[in-house]
Amino acid sequence: MAMAKARKPREALLWALSDLEENDFKKLKFYLRDMTLSEGQPPLARGELEGLIPVDLAELLISKY
């Protein structure tokens, strides 16, 4: 899916995550553990991020934030 065709933010997020190289995807998950994106929400725990593929991470981010 091309980003230009993404009509919803969730589609754009999935496209962006799917486009990452494996090492960059791992780095993103590493940095997400230290980020608080919404007040009152704790950062994501390492266990929440382990083994996730782009589709799963997109769903997790959408549900949390």
C-alpha atoms as a PDB file:
ATOM      1  CA  MET A   1       0.000   0.000   0.000  1.00  0.00           C
ATOM      2  CA  ALA A   2       1.423   3.358  -0.928  1.00  0.00           C
ATOM      3  CA  MET A   3       1.280   6.067   1.700  1.00  0.00           C
ATOM      4  CA  ALA A   4      -0.444   8.355  -0.779  1.00  0.00           C
ATOM      5  CA  LYS A   5      -3.289   5.832  -0.903  1.00  0.00           C
ATOM      6  CA  ALA A   6      -3.635   5.618   2.873  1.00  0.00           C
ATOM      7  CA  ARG A   7      -6.934   7.278   3.650  1.00  0.00           C
ATOM      8  CA  LYS A   8      -6.890   6.861   7.399  1.00  0.00           C
ATOM      9  CA  PRO A   9      -4.177   7.486   9.980  1.00  0.00           C
ATOM     10  CA  ARG A  10      -4.240   3.795  10.965  1.00  0.00           C
ATOM     11  CA  GLU A  11      -3.489   2.823   7.351  1.00  0.00           C
ATOM     12  CA  ALA A  12      -0.609   5.289   7.220  1.00  0.00           C
ATOM     13  CA  LEU A  13       0.763   3.895  10.495  1.00  0.00           C
ATOM     14  CA  LEU A  14       0.631   0.337   9.208  1.00  0.00           C
ATOM     15  CA  TRP A  15       2.272   1.371   5.947  1.00  0.00           C
ATOM     16  CA  ALA A  16       5.076   3.179   7.782  1.00  0.00           C
ATOM     17  CA  LEU A  17       5.737   0.272  10.156  1.00  0.00           C
ATOM     18  CA  SER A  18       5.680  -2.273   7.340  1.00  0.00           C
ATOM     19  CA  ASP A  19       8.168  -0.204   5.357  1.00  0.00           C
ATOM     20  CA  LEU A  20      10.825  -0.306   8.096  1.00  0.00           C
ATOM     21  CA  GLU A  21      13.865  -2.552   7.734  1.00  0.00           C
ATOM     22  CA  GLU A  22      14.004  -5.273  10.406  1.00  0.00           C
ATOM     23  CA  ASN A  23      16.777  -3.541  12.369  1.00  0.00           C
ATOM     24  CA  ASP A  24      14.958  -0.191  12.294  1.00  0.00           C
ATOM     25  CA  PHE A  25      11.745  -1.901  13.439  1.00  0.00           C
ATOM     26  CA  LYS A  26      13.655  -3.348  16.418  1.00  0.00           C
ATOM     27  CA  LYS A  27      15.080   0.092  17.237  1.00  0.00           C
ATOM     28  CA  LEU A  28      11.602   1.625  17.135  1.00  0.00           C
ATOM     29  CA  LYS A  29      10.314  -0.950  19.614  1.00  0.00           C
ATOM     30  CA  PHE A  30      13.350  -0.227  21.835  1.00  0.00           C
ATOM     31  CA  TYR A  31      12.594   3.510  21.901  1.00  0.00           C
ATOM     32  CA  LEU A  32       8.864   2.994  22.400  1.00  0.00           C
ATOM     33  CA  ARG A  33       9.590   1.486  25.818  1.00  0.00           C
ATOM     34  CA  ASP A  34      10.741   4.915  27.036  1.00  0.00           C
ATOM     35  CA  MET A  35       8.007   7.030  25.489  1.00  0.00           C
ATOM     36  CA  THR A  36       4.799   8.195  27.104  1.00  0.00           C
ATOM     37  CA  LEU A  37       2.562   9.457  24.342  1.00  0.00           C
ATOM     38  CA  SER A  38      -0.589  10.066  26.335  1.00  0.00           C
ATOM     39  CA  GLU A  39      -1.018  11.527  29.815  1.00  0.00           C
ATOM     40  CA  GLY A  40      -1.706   8.902  32.397  1.00  0.00           C
ATOM     41  CA  GLN A  41      -0.592   6.046  30.122  1.00  0.00           C
ATOM     42  CA  PRO A  42       2.566   4.262  31.216  1.00  0.00           C
ATOM     43  CA  PRO A  43       5.196   3.490  28.597  1.00  0.00           C
ATOM     44  CA  LEU A  44       4.831   0.176  26.820  1.00  0.00           C
ATOM     45  CA  ALA A  45       6.476  -2.701  28.664  1.00  0.00           C
ATOM     46  CA  ARG A  46       9.134  -4.782  26.978  1.00  0.00           C
ATOM     47  CA  GLY A  47       6.874  -7.824  27.181  1.00  0.00           C
ATOM     48  CA  GLU A  48       4.168  -5.985  25.237  1.00  0.00           C
ATOM     49  CA  LEU A  49       6.570  -5.344  22.356  1.00  0.00           C
ATOM     50  CA  GLU A  50       8.422  -8.653  22.083  1.00  0.00           C
ATOM     51  CA  GLY A  51       7.645 -10.707  19.024  1.00  0.00           C
ATOM     52  CA  LEU A  52       5.331  -8.140  17.459  1.00  0.00           C
ATOM     53  CA  ILE A  53       5.127  -7.789  13.708  1.00  0.00           C
ATOM     54  CA  PRO A  54       4.142  -4.441  12.136  1.00  0.00           C
ATOM     55  CA  VAL A  55       0.415  -5.233  12.064  1.00  0.00           C
ATOM     56  CA  ASP A  56       0.440  -6.191  15.748  1.00  0.00           C
ATOM     57  CA  LEU A  57       2.421  -3.108  16.746  1.00  0.00           C
ATOM     58  CA  ALA A  58       0.050  -0.865  14.805  1.00  0.00           C
ATOM     59  CA  GLU A  59      -2.940  -2.395  16.629  1.00  0.00           C
ATOM     60  CA  LEU A  60      -1.217  -1.989  19.996  1.00  0.00           C
ATOM     61  CA  LEU A  61      -0.344   1.662  19.361  1.00  0.00           C
ATOM     62  CA  ILE A  62      -3.867   2.425  18.156  1.00  0.00           C
ATOM     63  CA  SER A  63      -5.441   0.783  21.208  1.00  0.00           C
ATOM     64  CA  LYS A  64      -3.089   2.501  23.692  1.00  0.00           C
ATOM     65  CA  TYR A  65      -2.923   5.953  22.156  1.00  0.00           C
END
